[in-house]
Amino acid sequence: ARGSGHFGGAGEVMLLRRAMSTAMRPIYGRIHAKLTESLSPVALTIKDESFMHAGHSGNPSGDPDAETHFKVYCVSEAFAGMNMVARHRLVYGLLDQEIKDGVHALSLKTKTPSEAEKEPKPL
């Protein structure tokens, strides 16, 4: 019940989990916010794979939570009329500060909604 100190439902729990995970993962949160605000995606999946590269050159600290390696799947009408290189340049431009702040690897899958309908989601 409301006011009892308990969460009102699954929606509130999900919002809390998302806020906590974004606060603990600032680069992830910035990537999500920038792509959402700039591209209005109909689908967006961001997968942090930094733990797979602990101790490698792009993640020399060895910290599995270093936020250095990401895979991004983004479906947006904003990509219409652009080839793959132009789409990737757009995303890299949006995430320039995150790259400067330590993102070492950014794997991108960028699709329009009609392209995404034709193939399964890769992540």
Protein backbone atom coordinates (compact mmCIF):
# COMPACT_ATOMS: atom_id res chain seq x y z
CA ALA A 1 0.00 0.00 0.00
CA ARG A 2 1.11 3.54 -0.59
CA GLY A 3 2.71 5.30 2.33
CA SER A 4 3.60 2.01 4.03
CA GLY A 5 7.23 2.21 3.00
CA HIS A 6 6.79 -0.48 0.37
CA PHE A 7 6.92 0.02 -3.37
CA GLY A 8 3.56 0.25 -5.06
CA GLY A 9 4.26 -2.22 -7.83
CA ALA A 10 6.54 -3.66 -10.43
CA GLY A 11 6.72 -0.37 -12.34
CA GLU A 12 8.12 1.49 -9.35
CA VAL A 13 10.63 -1.28 -8.67
CA MET A 14 11.80 -1.17 -12.29
CA LEU A 15 12.21 2.62 -12.11
CA LEU A 16 14.24 2.27 -8.92
CA ARG A 17 16.44 -0.47 -10.42
CA ARG A 18 17.00 1.64 -13.51
CA ALA A 19 17.90 4.73 -11.47
CA MET A 20 20.27 2.72 -9.29
CA SER A 21 21.93 0.98 -12.22
CA THR A 22 22.34 4.26 -14.11
CA ALA A 23 23.80 5.97 -11.04
CA MET A 24 26.28 3.13 -10.60
CA ARG A 25 27.04 3.09 -14.33
CA PRO A 26 27.40 6.74 -15.38
CA ILE A 27 28.80 6.10 -18.89
CA TYR A 28 25.99 3.64 -19.64
CA GLY A 29 23.47 6.22 -18.42
CA ARG A 30 24.95 8.97 -20.57
CA ILE A 31 24.97 6.73 -23.66
CA HIS A 32 21.34 5.81 -23.06
CA ALA A 33 20.28 9.42 -22.47
CA LYS A 34 22.09 10.87 -25.48
CA LEU A 35 20.86 8.24 -27.93
CA THR A 36 17.31 8.44 -26.59
CA GLU A 37 17.19 12.23 -26.70
CA SER A 38 18.85 12.61 -30.10
CA LEU A 39 17.50 9.65 -32.05
CA SER A 40 14.11 8.86 -30.45
CA PRO A 41 14.72 5.14 -31.01
CA VAL A 42 11.89 2.65 -31.20
CA ALA A 43 14.34 0.07 -29.83
CA LEU A 44 17.57 0.61 -27.93
CA THR A 45 19.73 -2.04 -26.28
CA ILE A 46 23.04 -1.19 -24.67
CA LYS A 47 25.18 -4.06 -23.47
CA ASP A 48 28.21 -3.38 -21.31
CA GLU A 49 30.84 -6.01 -22.13
CA SER A 50 33.69 -4.45 -20.15
CA PHE A 51 33.92 -7.49 -17.88
CA MET A 52 34.97 -9.57 -20.90
CA HIS A 53 37.98 -7.31 -21.47
CA ALA A 54 39.29 -6.90 -17.91
CA GLY A 55 43.05 -6.44 -18.04
CA HIS A 56 43.20 -5.92 -21.82
CA SER A 57 44.58 -2.74 -23.37
CA GLY A 58 41.19 -1.01 -23.48
CA ASN A 59 40.52 -1.86 -19.84
CA PRO A 60 43.96 -1.83 -18.22
CA SER A 61 42.61 -1.41 -14.66
CA GLY A 62 41.08 -4.87 -14.94
CA ASP A 63 37.91 -3.57 -13.32
CA PRO A 64 34.96 -5.53 -14.75
CA ASP A 65 32.78 -2.42 -14.17
CA ALA A 66 35.14 -0.04 -15.98
CA GLU A 67 32.58 0.85 -18.70
CA THR A 68 35.06 0.59 -21.55
CA HIS A 69 33.38 -1.81 -24.01
CA PHE A 70 29.78 -1.53 -25.23
CA LYS A 71 27.53 -3.08 -27.85
CA VAL A 72 24.65 -0.87 -29.00
CA TYR A 73 21.60 -1.91 -31.00
CA CYS A 74 19.57 1.13 -32.04
CA VAL A 75 16.49 1.24 -34.26
CA SER A 76 15.50 4.75 -35.28
CA GLU A 77 13.77 6.53 -38.12
CA ALA A 78 16.62 9.06 -37.85
CA PHE A 79 18.78 6.59 -39.80
CA ALA A 80 16.52 6.66 -42.86
CA GLY A 81 18.42 7.55 -46.02
CA MET A 82 21.83 7.07 -44.37
CA ASN A 83 24.33 4.36 -45.20
CA MET A 84 26.01 2.41 -42.40
CA VAL A 85 29.07 4.67 -42.27
CA ALA A 86 26.93 7.81 -41.94
CA ARG A 87 24.84 6.19 -39.20
CA HIS A 88 27.93 5.18 -37.25
CA ARG A 89 29.48 8.63 -37.66
CA LEU A 90 26.27 10.13 -36.28
CA VAL A 91 26.36 7.89 -33.21
CA TYR A 92 30.09 8.37 -32.66
CA GLY A 93 29.53 12.12 -32.86
CA LEU A 94 26.76 11.95 -30.27
CA LEU A 95 28.99 9.88 -27.96
CA ASP A 96 32.22 11.83 -28.52
CA GLN A 97 32.57 12.81 -24.85
CA GLU A 98 31.99 9.24 -23.67
CA ILE A 99 34.71 8.02 -26.02
CA LYS A 100 37.05 10.72 -24.69
CA ASP A 101 36.10 9.66 -21.14
CA GLY A 102 37.30 6.10 -21.66
CA VAL A 103 34.97 4.12 -23.91
CA HIS A 104 37.49 2.01 -25.78
CA ALA A 105 35.19 -0.12 -27.95
CA LEU A 106 31.74 0.66 -29.29
CA SER A 107 30.11 -1.98 -31.48
CA LEU A 108 27.09 -0.60 -33.32
CA LYS A 109 24.07 -2.12 -35.03
CA THR A 110 21.98 0.72 -36.45
CA LYS A 111 18.72 0.05 -38.26
CA THR A 112 15.61 1.83 -39.44
CA PRO A 113 12.33 0.35 -38.19
CA SER A 114 11.63 -1.25 -41.59
CA GLU A 115 15.11 -2.82 -41.66
CA ALA A 116 14.71 -4.13 -38.12
CA GLU A 117 11.44 -5.86 -39.02
CA LYS A 118 13.29 -7.96 -41.61
CA GLU A 119 15.84 -9.51 -39.27
CA PRO A 120 16.04 -10.75 -35.69
CA LYS A 121 17.41 -8.49 -32.96
CA PRO A 122 21.17 -9.21 -32.75
CA LEU A 123 21.85 -8.59 -29.05
